[in-house]
Amino acid sequence: MKTAVAAIALTVAGLGGPSLATVDATAATHVHVQHERHACTHTSSGSCIRGGQFCPQSSYGKSGWDAQGRRYVCKGDRTHPHWMVP
């Protein structure tokens, strides 16, 4: 009788809740990825860059970020480059 009660108790305990393996697998699938936000790239006057503005010739081919975290690339005419969407 004790053996039957013990077997039933173990069976019910196993069915009663998730196992540790299930909890670990579930936790692993709920990983939140936070995107790195860049600080804005400043102009010579100290404000953040905006799309379409002139950029320094020394920044040609380099990336910059506006106040909202959008990426721009300094490209276009090498003599008068602008911050443009990549």
PDB file of N, CA and C in Angstrom:
ATOM      1  N   MET A   1       0.812  -1.189   0.000  1.00  0.00           N
ATOM      2  CA  MET A   1       0.000   0.000   0.000  1.00  0.00           C
ATOM      3  C   MET A   1       0.860   1.259   0.000  1.00  0.00           C
ATOM      4  N   LYS A   2       1.899   1.281   0.838  1.00  0.00           N
ATOM      5  CA  LYS A   2       2.780   2.444   0.876  1.00  0.00           C
ATOM      6  C   LYS A   2       3.466   2.644  -0.467  1.00  0.00           C
ATOM      7  N   THR A   3       3.827   1.564  -1.133  1.00  0.00           N
ATOM      8  CA  THR A   3       4.497   1.652  -2.425  1.00  0.00           C
ATOM      9  C   THR A   3       3.564   2.266  -3.462  1.00  0.00           C
ATOM     10  N   ALA A   4       2.295   1.874  -3.444  1.00  0.00           N
ATOM     11  CA  ALA A   4       1.328   2.415  -4.394  1.00  0.00           C
ATOM     12  C   ALA A   4       1.101   3.903  -4.138  1.00  0.00           C
ATOM     13  N   VAL A   5       0.996   4.302  -2.887  1.00  0.00           N
ATOM     14  CA  VAL A   5       0.805   5.712  -2.538  1.00  0.00           C
ATOM     15  C   VAL A   5       2.034   6.524  -2.951  1.00  0.00           C
ATOM     16  N   ALA A   6       3.211   5.984  -2.721  1.00  0.00           N
ATOM     17  CA  ALA A   6       4.448   6.676  -3.092  1.00  0.00           C
ATOM     18  C   ALA A   6       4.540   6.822  -4.614  1.00  0.00           C
ATOM     19  N   ALA A   7       4.152   5.791  -5.361  1.00  0.00           N
ATOM     20  CA  ALA A   7       4.192   5.841  -6.823  1.00  0.00           C
ATOM     21  C   ALA A   7       3.215   6.885  -7.349  1.00  0.00           C
ATOM     22  N   ILE A   8       2.026   6.943  -6.758  1.00  0.00           N
ATOM     23  CA  ILE A   8       1.031   7.935  -7.172  1.00  0.00           C
ATOM     24  C   ILE A   8       1.521   9.344  -6.837  1.00  0.00           C
ATOM     25  N   ALA A   9       2.110   9.521  -5.669  1.00  0.00           N
ATOM     26  CA  ALA A   9       2.615  10.835  -5.258  1.00  0.00           C
ATOM     27  C   ALA A   9       3.717  11.312  -6.202  1.00  0.00           C
ATOM     28  N   LEU A  10       4.617  10.424  -6.589  1.00  0.00           N
ATOM     29  CA  LEU A  10       5.691  10.791  -7.514  1.00  0.00           C
ATOM     30  C   LEU A  10       5.138  11.124  -8.895  1.00  0.00           C
ATOM     31  N   THR A  11       4.141  10.381  -9.351  1.00  0.00           N
ATOM     32  CA  THR A  11       3.538  10.635 -10.655  1.00  0.00           C
ATOM     33  C   THR A  11       2.838  11.990 -10.665  1.00  0.00           C
ATOM     34  N   VAL A  12       2.065  12.274  -9.619  1.00  0.00           N
ATOM     35  CA  VAL A  12       1.351  13.548  -9.525  1.00  0.00           C
ATOM     36  C   VAL A  12       2.342  14.705  -9.409  1.00  0.00           C
ATOM     37  N   ALA A  13       3.413  14.535  -8.668  1.00  0.00           N
ATOM     38  CA  ALA A  13       4.414  15.594  -8.514  1.00  0.00           C
ATOM     39  C   ALA A  13       5.074  15.902  -9.852  1.00  0.00           C
ATOM     40  N   GLY A  14       5.296  14.889 -10.666  1.00  0.00           N
ATOM     41  CA  GLY A  14       5.904  15.092 -11.981  1.00  0.00           C
ATOM     42  C   GLY A  14       4.969  15.788 -12.943  1.00  0.00           C
ATOM     43  N   LEU A  15       3.665  15.585 -12.803  1.00  0.00           N
ATOM     44  CA  LEU A  15       2.684  16.199 -13.696  1.00  0.00           C
ATOM     45  C   LEU A  15       2.220  17.564 -13.205  1.00  0.00           C
ATOM     46  N   GLY A  16       2.513  17.887 -11.973  1.00  0.00           N
ATOM     47  CA  GLY A  16       1.988  19.095 -11.361  1.00  0.00           C
ATOM     48  C   GLY A  16       2.569  20.398 -11.868  1.00  0.00           C
ATOM     49  N   GLY A  17       3.769  20.409 -12.368  1.00  0.00           N
ATOM     50  CA  GLY A  17       4.379  21.664 -12.794  1.00  0.00           C
ATOM     51  C   GLY A  17       5.488  21.418 -13.781  1.00  0.00           C
ATOM     52  N   PRO A  18       5.995  22.456 -14.347  1.00  0.00           N
ATOM     53  CA  PRO A  18       7.065  22.296 -15.328  1.00  0.00           C
ATOM     54  C   PRO A  18       8.361  21.870 -14.659  1.00  0.00           C
ATOM     55  N   SER A  19       9.108  21.096 -15.377  1.00  0.00           N
ATOM     56  CA  SER A  19      10.393  20.669 -14.848  1.00  0.00           C
ATOM     57  C   SER A  19      11.385  21.807 -14.996  1.00  0.00           C
ATOM     58  N   LEU A  20      12.526  21.697 -14.351  1.00  0.00           N
ATOM     59  CA  LEU A  20      13.547  22.731 -14.457  1.00  0.00           C
ATOM     60  C   LEU A  20      14.051  22.863 -15.887  1.00  0.00           C
ATOM     61  N   ALA A  21      14.118  21.753 -16.611  1.00  0.00           N
ATOM     62  CA  ALA A  21      14.580  21.808 -18.001  1.00  0.00           C
ATOM     63  C   ALA A  21      13.619  22.628 -18.854  1.00  0.00           C
ATOM     64  N   THR A  22      12.323  22.494 -18.599  1.00  0.00           N
ATOM     65  CA  THR A  22      11.330  23.263 -19.347  1.00  0.00           C
ATOM     66  C   THR A  22      11.445  24.748 -19.017  1.00  0.00           C
ATOM     67  N   VAL A  23      11.627  25.078 -17.759  1.00  0.00           N
ATOM     68  CA  VAL A  23      11.756  26.469 -17.343  1.00  0.00           C
ATOM     69  C   VAL A  23      13.002  27.082 -17.965  1.00  0.00           C
ATOM     70  N   ASP A  24      14.130  26.369 -17.957  1.00  0.00           N
ATOM     71  CA  ASP A  24      15.362  26.890 -18.540  1.00  0.00           C
ATOM     72  C   ASP A  24      15.221  27.099 -20.040  1.00  0.00           C
ATOM     73  N   ALA A  25      14.563  26.169 -20.729  1.00  0.00           N
ATOM     74  CA  ALA A  25      14.389  26.298 -22.177  1.00  0.00           C
ATOM     75  C   ALA A  25      13.486  27.481 -22.502  1.00  0.00           C
ATOM     76  N   THR A  26      12.454  27.694 -21.700  1.00  0.00           N
ATOM     77  CA  THR A  26      11.546  28.813 -21.924  1.00  0.00           C
ATOM     78  C   THR A  26      12.256  30.137 -21.665  1.00  0.00           C
ATOM     79  N   ALA A  27      13.028  30.208 -20.611  1.00  0.00           N
ATOM     80  CA  ALA A  27      13.751  31.439 -20.291  1.00  0.00           C
ATOM     81  C   ALA A  27      14.760  31.777 -21.377  1.00  0.00           C
ATOM     82  N   ALA A  28      15.352  30.769 -21.966  1.00  0.00           N
ATOM     83  CA  ALA A  28      16.360  31.010 -23.002  1.00  0.00           C
ATOM     84  C   ALA A  28      15.741  31.589 -24.272  1.00  0.00           C
ATOM     85  N   THR A  29      14.476  31.304 -24.536  1.00  0.00           N
ATOM     86  CA  THR A  29      13.851  31.806 -25.757  1.00  0.00           C
ATOM     87  C   THR A  29      13.328  33.231 -25.605  1.00  0.00           C
ATOM     88  N   HIS A  30      13.269  33.757 -24.402  1.00  0.00           N
ATOM     89  CA  HIS A  30      12.737  35.100 -24.165  1.00  0.00           C
ATOM     90  C   HIS A  30      13.860  36.096 -23.884  1.00  0.00           C
ATOM     91  N   VAL A  31      14.843  36.128 -24.742  1.00  0.00           N
ATOM     92  CA  VAL A  31      15.960  37.045 -24.583  1.00  0.00           C
ATOM     93  C   VAL A  31      15.634  38.329 -25.339  1.00  0.00           C
ATOM     94  N   HIS A  32      15.744  39.444 -24.659  1.00  0.00           N
ATOM     95  CA  HIS A  32      15.479  40.738 -25.284  1.00  0.00           C
ATOM     96  C   HIS A  32      16.797  41.326 -25.765  1.00  0.00           C
ATOM     97  N   VAL A  33      16.801  41.768 -27.008  1.00  0.00           N
ATOM     98  CA  VAL A  33      17.995  42.374 -27.578  1.00  0.00           C
ATOM     99  C   VAL A  33      17.817  43.881 -27.549  1.00  0.00           C
ATOM    100  N   GLN A  34      18.740  44.551 -26.909  1.00  0.00           N
ATOM    101  CA  GLN A  34      18.697  46.006 -26.893  1.00  0.00           C
ATOM    102  C   GLN A  34      19.705  46.517 -27.904  1.00  0.00           C
ATOM    103  N   HIS A  35      19.241  47.346 -28.817  1.00  0.00           N
ATOM    104  CA  HIS A  35      20.126  47.904 -29.825  1.00  0.00           C
ATOM    105  C   HIS A  35      20.924  49.040 -29.212  1.00  0.00           C
ATOM    106  N   GLU A  36      22.176  49.057 -29.569  1.00  0.00           N
ATOM    107  CA  GLU A  36      23.031  50.117 -29.068  1.00  0.00           C
ATOM    108  C   GLU A  36      22.644  51.426 -29.742  1.00  0.00           C
ATOM    109  N   ARG A  37      22.417  52.427 -28.956  1.00  0.00           N
ATOM    110  CA  ARG A  37      22.054  53.729 -29.511  1.00  0.00           C
ATOM    111  C   ARG A  37      23.285  54.626 -29.454  1.00  0.00           C
ATOM    112  N   HIS A  38      23.601  55.221 -30.571  1.00  0.00           N
ATOM    113  CA  HIS A  38      24.771  56.083 -30.660  1.00  0.00           C
ATOM    114  C   HIS A  38      24.419  57.499 -30.228  1.00  0.00           C
ATOM    115  N   ALA A  39      25.397  58.160 -29.665  1.00  0.00           N
ATOM    116  CA  ALA A  39      25.233  59.579 -29.382  1.00  0.00           C
ATOM    117  C   ALA A  39      25.272  60.316 -30.714  1.00  0.00           C
ATOM    118  N   CYS A  40      24.623  61.442 -30.772  1.00  0.00           N
ATOM    119  CA  CYS A  40      24.590  62.159 -32.054  1.00  0.00           C
ATOM    120  C   CYS A  40      25.976  62.695 -32.406  1.00  0.00           C
ATOM    121  N   THR A  41      26.186  62.812 -33.696  1.00  0.00           N
ATOM    122  CA  THR A  41      27.420  63.391 -34.217  1.00  0.00           C
ATOM    123  C   THR A  41      27.209  64.900 -34.290  1.00  0.00           C
ATOM    124  N   HIS A  42      28.133  65.648 -33.734  1.00  0.00           N
ATOM    125  CA  HIS A  42      27.968  67.103 -33.652  1.00  0.00           C
ATOM    126  C   HIS A  42      28.576  67.816 -34.855  1.00  0.00           C
ATOM    127  N   THR A  43      27.919  68.888 -35.236  1.00  0.00           N
ATOM    128  CA  THR A  43      28.436  69.762 -36.294  1.00  0.00           C
ATOM    129  C   THR A  43      29.453  70.720 -35.670  1.00  0.00           C
ATOM    130  N   SER A  44      30.070  71.536 -36.498  1.00  0.00           N
ATOM    131  CA  SER A  44      31.047  72.503 -35.984  1.00  0.00           C
ATOM    132  C   SER A  44      30.389  73.537 -35.063  1.00  0.00           C
ATOM    133  N   SER A  45      29.070  73.745 -35.222  1.00  0.00           N
ATOM    134  CA  SER A  45      28.362  74.695 -34.355  1.00  0.00           C
ATOM    135  C   SER A  45      27.862  74.047 -33.064  1.00  0.00           C
ATOM    136  N   GLY A  46      28.027  72.727 -32.941  1.00  0.00           N
ATOM    137  CA  GLY A  46      27.656  72.040 -31.706  1.00  0.00           C
ATOM    138  C   GLY A  46      26.312  71.344 -31.730  1.00  0.00           C
ATOM    139  N   SER A  47      25.512  71.529 -32.779  1.00  0.00           N
ATOM    140  CA  SER A  47      24.214  70.845 -32.858  1.00  0.00           C
ATOM    141  C   SER A  47      24.399  69.462 -33.489  1.00  0.00           C
ATOM    142  N   CYS A  48      23.383  68.634 -33.382  1.00  0.00           N
ATOM    143  CA  CYS A  48      23.434  67.293 -33.982  1.00  0.00           C
ATOM    144  C   CYS A  48      23.256  67.396 -35.493  1.00  0.00           C
ATOM    145  N   ILE A  49      23.888  66.482 -36.213  1.00  0.00           N
ATOM    146  CA  ILE A  49      23.757  66.498 -37.672  1.00  0.00           C
ATOM    147  C   ILE A  49      22.326  66.182 -38.074  1.00  0.00           C
ATOM    148  N   ARG A  50      21.971  66.589 -39.282  1.00  0.00           N
ATOM    149  CA  ARG A  50      20.682  66.254 -39.884  1.00  0.00           C
ATOM    150  C   ARG A  50      20.947  65.835 -41.316  1.00  0.00           C
ATOM    151  N   GLY A  51      20.091  64.968 -41.823  1.00  0.00           N
ATOM    152  CA  GLY A  51      20.236  64.504 -43.194  1.00  0.00           C
ATOM    153  C   GLY A  51      20.223  65.660 -44.179  1.00  0.00           C
ATOM    154  N   GLY A  52      21.124  65.621 -45.152  1.00  0.00           N
ATOM    155  CA  GLY A  52      21.191  66.654 -46.165  1.00  0.00           C
ATOM    156  C   GLY A  52      22.149  67.783 -45.850  1.00  0.00           C
ATOM    157  N   GLN A  53      22.571  67.899 -44.587  1.00  0.00           N
ATOM    158  CA  GLN A  53      23.513  68.956 -44.232  1.00  0.00           C
ATOM    159  C   GLN A  53      24.893  68.646 -44.811  1.00  0.00           C
ATOM    160  N   PHE A  54      25.667  69.701 -45.010  1.00  0.00           N
ATOM    161  CA  PHE A  54      27.054  69.510 -45.412  1.00  0.00           C
ATOM    162  C   PHE A  54      27.806  68.808 -44.288  1.00  0.00           C
ATOM    163  N   CYS A  55      28.763  67.994 -44.659  1.00  0.00           N
ATOM    164  CA  CYS A  55      29.637  67.365 -43.669  1.00  0.00           C
ATOM    165  C   CYS A  55      31.080  67.721 -44.024  1.00  0.00           C
ATOM    166  N   PRO A  56      31.979  67.686 -43.058  1.00  0.00           N
ATOM    167  CA  PRO A  56      33.368  68.046 -43.346  1.00  0.00           C
ATOM    168  C   PRO A  56      34.001  67.068 -44.334  1.00  0.00           C
ATOM    169  N   GLN A  57      34.880  67.570 -45.187  1.00  0.00           N
ATOM    170  CA  GLN A  57      35.562  66.697 -46.143  1.00  0.00           C
ATOM    171  C   GLN A  57      36.352  65.612 -45.425  1.00  0.00           C
ATOM    172  N   SER A  58      36.814  65.895 -44.217  1.00  0.00           N
ATOM    173  CA  SER A  58      37.566  64.897 -43.450  1.00  0.00           C
ATOM    174  C   SER A  58      36.676  63.742 -42.984  1.00  0.00           C
ATOM    175  N   SER A  59      35.358  63.931 -42.996  1.00  0.00           N
ATOM    176  CA  SER A  59      34.415  62.874 -42.601  1.00  0.00           C
ATOM    177  C   SER A  59      33.921  62.058 -43.783  1.00  0.00           C
ATOM    178  N   TYR A  60      34.399  62.352 -44.991  1.00  0.00           N
ATOM    179  CA  TYR A  60      33.922  61.675 -46.199  1.00  0.00           C
ATOM    180  C   TYR A  60      34.054  60.158 -46.049  1.00  0.00           C
ATOM    181  N   GLY A  61      32.946  59.437 -46.284  1.00  0.00           N
ATOM    182  CA  GLY A  61      32.922  57.979 -46.180  1.00  0.00           C
ATOM    183  C   GLY A  61      32.660  57.461 -44.778  1.00  0.00           C
ATOM    184  N   LYS A  62      32.597  58.336 -43.797  1.00  0.00           N
ATOM    185  CA  LYS A  62      32.369  57.930 -42.406  1.00  0.00           C
ATOM    186  C   LYS A  62      30.895  58.072 -42.047  1.00  0.00           C
ATOM    187  N   SER A  63      30.499  57.373 -40.987  1.00  0.00           N
ATOM    188  CA  SER A  63      29.113  57.412 -40.514  1.00  0.00           C
ATOM    189  C   SER A  63      28.943  58.446 -39.417  1.00  0.00           C
ATOM    190  N   GLY A  64      27.732  58.973 -39.317  1.00  0.00           N
ATOM    191  CA  GLY A  64      27.353  59.878 -38.252  1.00  0.00           C
ATOM    192  C   GLY A  64      25.907  59.595 -37.874  1.00  0.00           C
ATOM    193  N   TRP A  65      25.489  60.014 -36.681  1.00  0.00           N
ATOM    194  CA  TRP A  65      24.138  59.742 -36.196  1.00  0.00           C
ATOM    195  C   TRP A  65      23.457  61.033 -35.796  1.00  0.00           C
ATOM    196  N   ASP A  66      22.154  61.122 -36.121  1.00  0.00           N
ATOM    197  CA  ASP A  66      21.390  62.311 -35.740  1.00  0.00           C
ATOM    198  C   ASP A  66      20.833  62.145 -34.331  1.00  0.00           C
ATOM    199  N   ALA A  67      20.045  63.117 -33.873  1.00  0.00           N
ATOM    200  CA  ALA A  67      19.521  63.116 -32.503  1.00  0.00           C
ATOM    201  C   ALA A  67      18.580  61.945 -32.231  1.00  0.00           C
ATOM    202  N   GLN A  68      17.929  61.402 -33.269  1.00  0.00           N
ATOM    203  CA  GLN A  68      17.017  60.268 -33.097  1.00  0.00           C
ATOM    204  C   GLN A  68      17.729  58.920 -33.237  1.00  0.00           C
ATOM    205  N   GLY A  69      19.031  58.926 -33.458  1.00  0.00           N
ATOM    206  CA  GLY A  69      19.785  57.684 -33.580  1.00  0.00           C
ATOM    207  C   GLY A  69      19.837  57.126 -34.992  1.00  0.00           C
ATOM    208  N   ARG A  70      19.390  57.897 -35.981  1.00  0.00           N
ATOM    209  CA  ARG A  70      19.448  57.442 -37.372  1.00  0.00           C
ATOM    210  C   ARG A  70      20.857  57.627 -37.910  1.00  0.00           C
ATOM    211  N   ARG A  71      21.293  56.658 -38.696  1.00  0.00           N
ATOM    212  CA  ARG A  71      22.648  56.674 -39.243  1.00  0.00           C
ATOM    213  C   ARG A  71      22.677  57.369 -40.602  1.00  0.00           C
ATOM    214  N   TYR A  72      23.686  58.185 -40.794  1.00  0.00           N
ATOM    215  CA  TYR A  72      23.940  58.842 -42.071  1.00  0.00           C
ATOM    216  C   TYR A  72      25.394  58.604 -42.442  1.00  0.00           C
ATOM    217  N   VAL A  73      25.679  58.695 -43.737  1.00  0.00           N
ATOM    218  CA  VAL A  73      27.046  58.563 -44.227  1.00  0.00           C
ATOM    219  C   VAL A  73      27.403  59.848 -44.956  1.00  0.00           C
ATOM    220  N   CYS A  74      28.601  60.313 -44.725  1.00  0.00           N
ATOM    221  CA  CYS A  74      29.087  61.505 -45.405  1.00  0.00           C
ATOM    222  C   CYS A  74      29.529  61.080 -46.801  1.00  0.00           C
ATOM    223  N   LYS A  75      28.731  61.467 -47.815  1.00  0.00           N
ATOM    224  CA  LYS A  75      29.047  61.038 -49.180  1.00  0.00           C
ATOM    225  C   LYS A  75      28.517  62.050 -50.182  1.00  0.00           C
ATOM    226  N   GLY A  76      28.708  61.718 -51.443  1.00  0.00           N
ATOM    227  CA  GLY A  76      28.302  62.620 -52.513  1.00  0.00           C
ATOM    228  C   GLY A  76      29.536  63.222 -53.155  1.00  0.00           C
ATOM    229  N   ASP A  77      29.432  64.472 -53.545  1.00  0.00           N
ATOM    230  CA  ASP A  77      30.548  65.194 -54.151  1.00  0.00           C
ATOM    231  C   ASP A  77      31.670  65.335 -53.116  1.00  0.00           C
ATOM    232  N   ARG A  78      32.879  64.923 -53.469  1.00  0.00           N
ATOM    233  CA  ARG A  78      34.000  64.989 -52.521  1.00  0.00           C
ATOM    234  C   ARG A  78      34.345  66.424 -52.114  1.00  0.00           C
ATOM    235  N   THR A  79      34.037  67.377 -52.963  1.00  0.00           N
ATOM    236  CA  THR A  79      34.331  68.774 -52.648  1.00  0.00           C
ATOM    237  C   THR A  79      33.317  69.344 -51.657  1.00  0.00           C
ATOM    238  N   HIS A  80      32.041  68.954 -51.804  1.00  0.00           N
ATOM    239  CA  HIS A  80      30.967  69.445 -50.928  1.00  0.00           C
ATOM    240  C   HIS A  80      30.089  68.265 -50.498  1.00  0.00           C
ATOM    241  N   PRO A  81      30.606  67.366 -49.633  1.00  0.00           N
ATOM    242  CA  PRO A  81      29.820  66.188 -49.240  1.00  0.00           C
ATOM    243  C   PRO A  81      28.667  66.554 -48.299  1.00  0.00           C
ATOM    244  N   HIS A  82      27.673  65.672 -48.262  1.00  0.00           N
ATOM    245  CA  HIS A  82      26.491  65.848 -47.416  1.00  0.00           C
ATOM    246  C   HIS A  82      26.274  64.590 -46.580  1.00  0.00           C
ATOM    247  N   TRP A  83      25.557  64.750 -45.451  1.00  0.00           N
ATOM    248  CA  TRP A  83      25.125  63.596 -44.659  1.00  0.00           C
ATOM    249  C   TRP A  83      23.924  63.000 -45.371  1.00  0.00           C
ATOM    250  N   MET A  84      24.070  61.769 -45.829  1.00  0.00           N
ATOM    251  CA  MET A  84      23.018  61.111 -46.606  1.00  0.00           C
ATOM    252  C   MET A  84      22.701  59.743 -46.010  1.00  0.00           C
ATOM    253  N   VAL A  85      21.478  59.260 -46.268  1.00  0.00           N
ATOM    254  CA  VAL A  85      21.063  57.925 -45.824  1.00  0.00           C
ATOM    255  C   VAL A  85      21.927  56.902 -46.559  1.00  0.00           C
ATOM    256  N   PRO A  86      22.464  55.905 -45.826  1.00  0.00           N
ATOM    257  CA  PRO A  86      23.334  54.910 -46.486  1.00  0.00           C
ATOM    258  C   PRO A  86      22.632  54.117 -47.561  1.00  0.00           C
TER     259      PRO A  86
END
